[in-house]
Amino acid sequence: MRLDDGQIEVLDQAMADVLRQKTPAQRLQIGFALWDSSKRMLTAHLSAEHPDWTPERISQEVVRRLSHGAS
């Protein structure tokens, strides 16, 4: 499957079939779990990369990155 310039991932057909069998609530739960996991991993990464940053500064950077810099 060809990727377009702006496309960074392609959903495998088998995974698409699995997700189609989920209820909307289950799919939403999966999305929230992915968001939470991303937030925790980014927090850990920034804490390791910037040990001098306060927890507040790390939290601000996590929010900035996860919101794509939107304010």
N, C-alpha and C. Protein backbone atom coordinates (compact mmCIF):
# COMPACT_ATOMS: atom_id res chain seq x y z
N MET A 1 0.84 -1.18 0.00
CA MET A 1 0.00 0.00 0.00
C MET A 1 0.89 1.25 0.00
N ARG A 2 0.66 2.15 -0.96
CA ARG A 2 1.47 3.34 -1.08
C ARG A 2 1.07 4.39 -0.05
N LEU A 3 2.08 5.02 0.54
CA LEU A 3 1.83 6.11 1.47
C LEU A 3 1.88 7.43 0.74
N ASP A 4 0.93 8.29 0.99
CA ASP A 4 0.98 9.65 0.48
C ASP A 4 1.98 10.45 1.29
N ASP A 5 2.41 11.61 0.77
CA ASP A 5 3.39 12.43 1.47
C ASP A 5 2.94 12.78 2.90
N GLY A 6 1.66 13.05 3.08
CA GLY A 6 1.15 13.43 4.40
C GLY A 6 0.69 12.26 5.25
N GLN A 7 0.80 11.05 4.74
CA GLN A 7 0.31 9.88 5.46
C GLN A 7 1.46 9.21 6.19
N ILE A 8 1.30 9.02 7.48
CA ILE A 8 2.40 8.43 8.26
C ILE A 8 2.13 6.98 8.64
N GLU A 9 0.89 6.53 8.49
CA GLU A 9 0.62 5.14 8.82
C GLU A 9 -0.56 4.62 8.00
N VAL A 10 -0.61 3.32 7.89
CA VAL A 10 -1.69 2.66 7.15
C VAL A 10 -2.28 1.61 8.07
N LEU A 11 -3.60 1.60 8.19
CA LEU A 11 -4.27 0.62 9.03
C LEU A 11 -4.36 -0.70 8.29
N ASP A 12 -3.83 -1.73 8.91
CA ASP A 12 -3.88 -3.07 8.34
C ASP A 12 -5.34 -3.53 8.25
N GLN A 13 -5.69 -4.23 7.18
CA GLN A 13 -7.07 -4.66 6.98
C GLN A 13 -7.56 -5.55 8.12
N ALA A 14 -6.70 -6.41 8.62
CA ALA A 14 -7.10 -7.29 9.73
C ALA A 14 -7.43 -6.47 10.97
N MET A 15 -6.65 -5.43 11.23
CA MET A 15 -6.91 -4.56 12.39
C MET A 15 -8.19 -3.77 12.17
N ALA A 16 -8.43 -3.32 10.95
CA ALA A 16 -9.67 -2.61 10.64
C ALA A 16 -10.87 -3.52 10.90
N ASP A 17 -10.77 -4.79 10.54
CA ASP A 17 -11.85 -5.74 10.80
C ASP A 17 -12.11 -5.90 12.30
N VAL A 18 -11.04 -5.98 13.08
CA VAL A 18 -11.17 -6.10 14.54
C VAL A 18 -11.87 -4.86 15.10
N LEU A 19 -11.45 -3.68 14.66
CA LEU A 19 -12.04 -2.44 15.18
C LEU A 19 -13.50 -2.30 14.77
N ARG A 20 -13.87 -2.80 13.60
CA ARG A 20 -15.26 -2.74 13.16
C ARG A 20 -16.17 -3.56 14.07
N GLN A 21 -15.62 -4.58 14.70
CA GLN A 21 -16.41 -5.45 15.58
C GLN A 21 -16.58 -4.85 16.98
N LYS A 22 -15.84 -3.81 17.28
CA LYS A 22 -15.94 -3.15 18.59
C LYS A 22 -17.15 -2.22 18.60
N THR A 23 -17.70 -2.05 19.79
CA THR A 23 -18.78 -1.07 19.93
C THR A 23 -18.15 0.33 19.93
N PRO A 24 -18.95 1.36 19.68
CA PRO A 24 -18.41 2.72 19.76
C PRO A 24 -17.76 3.00 21.12
N ALA A 25 -18.38 2.51 22.18
CA ALA A 25 -17.80 2.73 23.52
C ALA A 25 -16.44 2.04 23.66
N GLN A 26 -16.31 0.84 23.09
CA GLN A 26 -15.03 0.13 23.16
C GLN A 26 -13.96 0.86 22.36
N ARG A 27 -14.34 1.37 21.18
CA ARG A 27 -13.37 2.12 20.38
C ARG A 27 -12.94 3.40 21.09
N LEU A 28 -13.88 4.06 21.74
CA LEU A 28 -13.55 5.27 22.49
C LEU A 28 -12.63 4.94 23.65
N GLN A 29 -12.89 3.83 24.33
CA GLN A 29 -12.03 3.40 25.43
C GLN A 29 -10.61 3.13 24.93
N ILE A 30 -10.48 2.51 23.77
CA ILE A 30 -9.16 2.26 23.18
C ILE A 30 -8.46 3.59 22.91
N GLY A 31 -9.20 4.54 22.34
CA GLY A 31 -8.61 5.85 22.05
C GLY A 31 -8.14 6.55 23.31
N PHE A 32 -8.94 6.52 24.37
CA PHE A 32 -8.54 7.15 25.63
C PHE A 32 -7.29 6.47 26.21
N ALA A 33 -7.24 5.14 26.10
CA ALA A 33 -6.07 4.42 26.61
C ALA A 33 -4.81 4.79 25.82
N LEU A 34 -4.94 4.94 24.51
CA LEU A 34 -3.80 5.37 23.70
C LEU A 34 -3.35 6.77 24.07
N TRP A 35 -4.31 7.67 24.29
CA TRP A 35 -3.99 9.04 24.69
C TRP A 35 -3.26 9.04 26.03
N ASP A 36 -3.77 8.28 26.99
CA ASP A 36 -3.16 8.22 28.31
C ASP A 36 -1.74 7.64 28.24
N SER A 37 -1.58 6.60 27.43
CA SER A 37 -0.26 6.00 27.27
C SER A 37 0.72 6.99 26.64
N SER A 38 0.27 7.72 25.64
CA SER A 38 1.13 8.73 25.00
C SER A 38 1.54 9.79 25.99
N LYS A 39 0.59 10.24 26.79
CA LYS A 39 0.88 11.28 27.79
C LYS A 39 1.89 10.80 28.82
N ARG A 40 1.71 9.56 29.30
CA ARG A 40 2.65 9.01 30.29
C ARG A 40 4.04 8.83 29.70
N MET A 41 4.13 8.30 28.47
CA MET A 41 5.44 8.11 27.84
C MET A 41 6.14 9.43 27.58
N LEU A 42 5.40 10.42 27.11
CA LEU A 42 6.00 11.73 26.85
C LEU A 42 6.45 12.38 28.15
N THR A 43 5.67 12.25 29.20
CA THR A 43 6.06 12.79 30.50
C THR A 43 7.36 12.15 30.99
N ALA A 44 7.45 10.84 30.87
CA ALA A 44 8.67 10.13 31.29
C ALA A 44 9.87 10.55 30.45
N HIS A 45 9.67 10.68 29.14
CA HIS A 45 10.75 11.09 28.24
C HIS A 45 11.26 12.49 28.60
N LEU A 46 10.33 13.42 28.75
CA LEU A 46 10.74 14.79 29.06
C LEU A 46 11.39 14.89 30.43
N SER A 47 10.92 14.11 31.38
CA SER A 47 11.53 14.11 32.72
C SER A 47 12.97 13.62 32.65
N ALA A 48 13.22 12.61 31.83
CA ALA A 48 14.58 12.08 31.69
C ALA A 48 15.48 13.04 30.90
N GLU A 49 14.92 13.67 29.87
CA GLU A 49 15.69 14.59 29.04
C GLU A 49 15.98 15.93 29.73
N HIS A 50 15.09 16.33 30.61
CA HIS A 50 15.21 17.64 31.26
C HIS A 50 15.03 17.51 32.77
N PRO A 51 16.00 16.91 33.46
CA PRO A 51 15.86 16.70 34.91
C PRO A 51 15.77 18.00 35.69
N ASP A 52 16.17 19.11 35.08
CA ASP A 52 16.12 20.40 35.75
C ASP A 52 14.74 21.06 35.66
N TRP A 53 13.86 20.54 34.82
CA TRP A 53 12.52 21.12 34.66
C TRP A 53 11.64 20.75 35.84
N THR A 54 10.77 21.67 36.22
CA THR A 54 9.79 21.39 37.27
C THR A 54 8.67 20.52 36.70
N PRO A 55 7.93 19.85 37.58
CA PRO A 55 6.78 19.07 37.09
C PRO A 55 5.78 19.94 36.32
N GLU A 56 5.64 21.19 36.73
CA GLU A 56 4.74 22.10 36.02
C GLU A 56 5.23 22.38 34.61
N ARG A 57 6.53 22.58 34.45
CA ARG A 57 7.11 22.84 33.13
C ARG A 57 6.95 21.61 32.23
N ILE A 58 7.19 20.44 32.79
CA ILE A 58 7.03 19.21 32.02
C ILE A 58 5.58 19.06 31.57
N SER A 59 4.66 19.31 32.48
CA SER A 59 3.24 19.22 32.14
C SER A 59 2.87 20.19 31.03
N GLN A 60 3.38 21.41 31.09
CA GLN A 60 3.11 22.40 30.05
C GLN A 60 3.64 21.93 28.70
N GLU A 61 4.82 21.34 28.69
CA GLU A 61 5.40 20.87 27.44
C GLU A 61 4.63 19.67 26.88
N VAL A 62 4.18 18.79 27.76
CA VAL A 62 3.37 17.66 27.33
C VAL A 62 2.10 18.17 26.66
N VAL A 63 1.44 19.11 27.30
CA VAL A 63 0.21 19.68 26.73
C VAL A 63 0.50 20.34 25.39
N ARG A 64 1.58 21.10 25.32
CA ARG A 64 1.92 21.79 24.07
C ARG A 64 2.14 20.79 22.94
N ARG A 65 2.89 19.73 23.22
CA ARG A 65 3.18 18.75 22.17
C ARG A 65 1.97 17.93 21.77
N LEU A 66 1.15 17.56 22.73
CA LEU A 66 -0.02 16.75 22.40
C LEU A 66 -1.12 17.56 21.73
N SER A 67 -1.06 18.87 21.89
CA SER A 67 -2.06 19.72 21.23
C SER A 67 -1.50 20.30 19.94
N HIS A 68 -0.36 19.81 19.51
CA HIS A 68 0.31 20.28 18.29
C HIS A 68 0.63 21.77 18.37
N GLY A 69 0.93 22.22 19.58
CA GLY A 69 1.33 23.62 19.77
C GLY A 69 0.18 24.60 19.81
N ALA A 70 -1.06 24.09 19.77
CA ALA A 70 -2.22 24.99 19.81
C ALA A 70 -2.32 25.62 21.20
N SER A 71 -2.78 26.83 21.21
CA SER A 71 -2.94 27.49 22.52
C SER A 71 -4.36 27.89 22.76
